[in-house]
């Protein structure tokens, strides 16, 4: 819809240039969150997330010590 408005010269091309990365990055961010939750919930999760999960655990233990 914004593309049509830019073609009709009712919206600035700069607005389209700012909107496109947001439309691309929001689903990517959602995928990272879902992938992280899935990988950390499975015991045989992806090895890529292990350092990240350990770092988050250390932060949680620093904030909420036993």
N, C-alpha and C. Protein backbone atom coordinates (compact mmCIF):
# COMPACT_ATOMS: atom_id res chain seq x y z
N UNK A 1 0.82 -1.18 0.00
CA UNK A 1 0.00 0.00 0.00
C UNK A 1 0.88 1.26 0.00
N UNK A 2 1.93 1.22 0.80
CA UNK A 2 2.85 2.36 0.83
C UNK A 2 3.56 2.52 -0.50
N UNK A 3 3.84 1.41 -1.14
CA UNK A 3 4.48 1.45 -2.46
C UNK A 3 3.60 2.17 -3.47
N UNK A 4 2.32 1.90 -3.42
CA UNK A 4 1.37 2.56 -4.33
C UNK A 4 1.31 4.05 -4.01
N UNK A 5 1.34 4.40 -2.74
CA UNK A 5 1.32 5.81 -2.36
C UNK A 5 2.58 6.54 -2.84
N UNK A 6 3.71 5.86 -2.81
CA UNK A 6 4.94 6.47 -3.32
C UNK A 6 4.85 6.65 -4.83
N UNK A 7 4.31 5.65 -5.53
CA UNK A 7 4.15 5.79 -6.97
C UNK A 7 3.18 6.90 -7.33
N UNK A 8 2.16 7.11 -6.53
CA UNK A 8 1.18 8.17 -6.78
C UNK A 8 1.67 9.51 -6.25
N UNK A 9 2.87 9.54 -5.71
CA UNK A 9 3.49 10.74 -5.16
C UNK A 9 2.69 11.34 -4.00
N UNK A 10 2.07 10.47 -3.23
CA UNK A 10 1.36 10.91 -2.03
C UNK A 10 2.18 10.65 -0.77
N UNK A 11 3.26 9.88 -0.90
CA UNK A 11 4.13 9.59 0.24
C UNK A 11 5.58 9.74 -0.23
N UNK A 12 6.43 10.01 0.72
CA UNK A 12 7.84 10.21 0.42
C UNK A 12 8.54 8.87 0.19
N UNK A 13 9.43 8.80 -0.78
CA UNK A 13 10.22 7.57 -0.95
C UNK A 13 11.07 7.25 0.28
N UNK A 14 11.43 8.27 1.03
CA UNK A 14 12.21 8.04 2.25
C UNK A 14 11.40 7.24 3.27
N UNK A 15 10.10 7.49 3.34
CA UNK A 15 9.24 6.73 4.23
C UNK A 15 9.23 5.25 3.84
N UNK A 16 9.19 4.98 2.56
CA UNK A 16 9.26 3.59 2.09
C UNK A 16 10.61 2.97 2.44
N UNK A 17 11.67 3.75 2.32
CA UNK A 17 13.01 3.24 2.64
C UNK A 17 13.14 2.91 4.12
N UNK A 18 12.42 3.62 4.97
CA UNK A 18 12.45 3.32 6.40
C UNK A 18 11.51 2.17 6.76
N UNK A 19 10.44 1.99 6.01
CA UNK A 19 9.45 0.97 6.34
C UNK A 19 9.87 -0.43 5.92
N UNK A 20 10.58 -0.55 4.83
CA UNK A 20 10.95 -1.87 4.31
C UNK A 20 11.85 -2.64 5.27
N UNK A 21 12.91 -2.05 5.84
CA UNK A 21 13.72 -2.83 6.79
C UNK A 21 12.94 -3.28 8.03
N UNK A 22 11.99 -2.47 8.47
CA UNK A 22 11.18 -2.86 9.62
C UNK A 22 10.34 -4.08 9.28
N UNK A 23 9.76 -4.08 8.11
CA UNK A 23 8.93 -5.21 7.68
C UNK A 23 9.78 -6.46 7.52
N UNK A 24 11.02 -6.32 7.15
CA UNK A 24 11.91 -7.48 7.00
C UNK A 24 12.45 -7.94 8.35
N UNK A 25 12.80 -7.02 9.24
CA UNK A 25 13.48 -7.39 10.48
C UNK A 25 12.54 -7.90 11.56
N UNK A 26 11.28 -7.49 11.57
CA UNK A 26 10.36 -7.97 12.61
C UNK A 26 10.13 -9.49 12.54
N UNK A 27 9.85 -10.07 11.38
CA UNK A 27 9.74 -11.54 11.34
C UNK A 27 11.06 -12.23 11.66
N UNK A 28 12.17 -11.64 11.28
CA UNK A 28 13.47 -12.23 11.60
C UNK A 28 13.69 -12.25 13.11
N UNK A 29 13.35 -11.16 13.77
CA UNK A 29 13.49 -11.11 15.23
C UNK A 29 12.58 -12.14 15.89
N UNK A 30 11.36 -12.28 15.38
CA UNK A 30 10.43 -13.27 15.93
C UNK A 30 11.00 -14.68 15.75
N UNK A 31 11.58 -14.95 14.59
CA UNK A 31 12.17 -16.27 14.33
C UNK A 31 13.32 -16.56 15.29
N UNK A 32 14.13 -15.57 15.59
CA UNK A 32 15.25 -15.77 16.52
C UNK A 32 14.72 -16.11 17.91
N UNK A 33 13.68 -15.41 18.35
CA UNK A 33 13.10 -15.67 19.67
C UNK A 33 12.51 -17.08 19.73
N UNK A 34 11.75 -17.46 18.71
CA UNK A 34 11.13 -18.79 18.70
C UNK A 34 12.20 -19.88 18.60
N UNK A 35 13.21 -19.66 17.78
CA UNK A 35 14.29 -20.64 17.65
C UNK A 35 15.04 -20.79 18.97
N UNK A 36 15.28 -19.69 19.65
CA UNK A 36 15.96 -19.74 20.94
C UNK A 36 15.13 -20.52 21.96
N UNK A 37 13.84 -20.27 22.01
CA UNK A 37 12.98 -20.99 22.97
C UNK A 37 12.92 -22.47 22.64
N UNK A 38 12.82 -22.81 21.38
CA UNK A 38 12.76 -24.21 20.99
C UNK A 38 14.08 -24.92 21.30
N UNK A 39 15.19 -24.27 20.95
CA UNK A 39 16.50 -24.91 21.14
C UNK A 39 16.83 -25.09 22.60
N UNK A 40 16.42 -24.17 23.45
CA UNK A 40 16.73 -24.30 24.87
C UNK A 40 15.74 -25.21 25.59
N UNK A 41 14.58 -25.44 25.01
CA UNK A 41 13.63 -26.35 25.66
C UNK A 41 13.95 -27.81 25.35
N UNK A 42 14.64 -28.07 24.27
CA UNK A 42 15.03 -29.44 23.90
C UNK A 42 16.39 -29.76 24.52
N UNK A 43 16.52 -30.92 25.07
CA UNK A 43 17.80 -31.30 25.66
C UNK A 43 18.87 -31.50 24.60
N UNK A 44 18.47 -31.87 23.40
CA UNK A 44 19.44 -32.05 22.33
C UNK A 44 19.47 -30.81 21.44
N UNK A 45 19.26 -29.63 22.04
CA UNK A 45 19.16 -28.36 21.30
C UNK A 45 20.42 -28.04 20.52
N UNK A 46 20.31 -26.99 19.76
CA UNK A 46 21.42 -26.58 18.92
C UNK A 46 22.59 -26.12 19.78
N UNK A 47 23.79 -26.53 19.42
CA UNK A 47 24.97 -26.19 20.21
C UNK A 47 25.31 -24.71 20.11
N UNK A 48 24.81 -24.06 19.08
CA UNK A 48 25.08 -22.64 18.90
C UNK A 48 24.56 -21.82 20.08
N UNK A 49 23.44 -22.23 20.67
CA UNK A 49 22.80 -21.44 21.71
C UNK A 49 23.39 -21.68 23.10
N UNK A 50 24.22 -22.70 23.29
CA UNK A 50 24.70 -23.04 24.63
C UNK A 50 25.43 -21.89 25.31
N UNK A 51 26.37 -21.19 24.67
CA UNK A 51 27.01 -20.06 25.37
C UNK A 51 26.03 -18.94 25.69
N UNK A 52 25.09 -18.69 24.82
CA UNK A 52 24.10 -17.64 25.07
C UNK A 52 23.23 -18.00 26.26
N UNK A 53 22.79 -19.24 26.33
CA UNK A 53 21.94 -19.69 27.44
C UNK A 53 22.70 -19.63 28.75
N UNK A 54 23.96 -20.06 28.75
CA UNK A 54 24.76 -20.00 29.98
C UNK A 54 24.92 -18.55 30.43
N UNK A 55 25.14 -17.64 29.52
CA UNK A 55 25.29 -16.23 29.87
C UNK A 55 24.00 -15.69 30.47
N UNK A 56 22.85 -16.06 29.92
CA UNK A 56 21.56 -15.63 30.46
C UNK A 56 21.35 -16.23 31.85
N UNK A 57 21.72 -17.48 32.03
CA UNK A 57 21.60 -18.09 33.36
C UNK A 57 22.46 -17.35 34.38
N UNK A 58 23.68 -16.98 34.00
CA UNK A 58 24.55 -16.24 34.93
C UNK A 58 23.94 -14.90 35.30
N UNK A 59 23.33 -14.24 34.35
CA UNK A 59 22.67 -12.96 34.65
C UNK A 59 21.51 -13.19 35.60
N UNK A 60 20.71 -14.24 35.36
CA UNK A 60 19.57 -14.52 36.24
C UNK A 60 20.05 -14.86 37.65
N UNK A 61 21.12 -15.63 37.75
CA UNK A 61 21.63 -15.98 39.08
C UNK A 61 22.21 -14.76 39.79
N UNK A 62 22.77 -13.82 39.04
CA UNK A 62 23.26 -12.59 39.66
C UNK A 62 22.12 -11.73 40.18
N UNK A 63 21.01 -11.72 39.46
CA UNK A 63 19.87 -10.91 39.86
C UNK A 63 19.06 -11.61 40.96
N UNK A 64 18.87 -12.91 40.81
CA UNK A 64 18.07 -13.69 41.77
C UNK A 64 18.93 -14.81 42.39
N UNK A 65 19.80 -14.49 43.32
CA UNK A 65 20.65 -15.54 43.91
C UNK A 65 19.84 -16.49 44.79
N UNK A 66 20.33 -17.70 44.88
CA UNK A 66 19.65 -18.70 45.74
C UNK A 66 20.09 -18.56 47.15
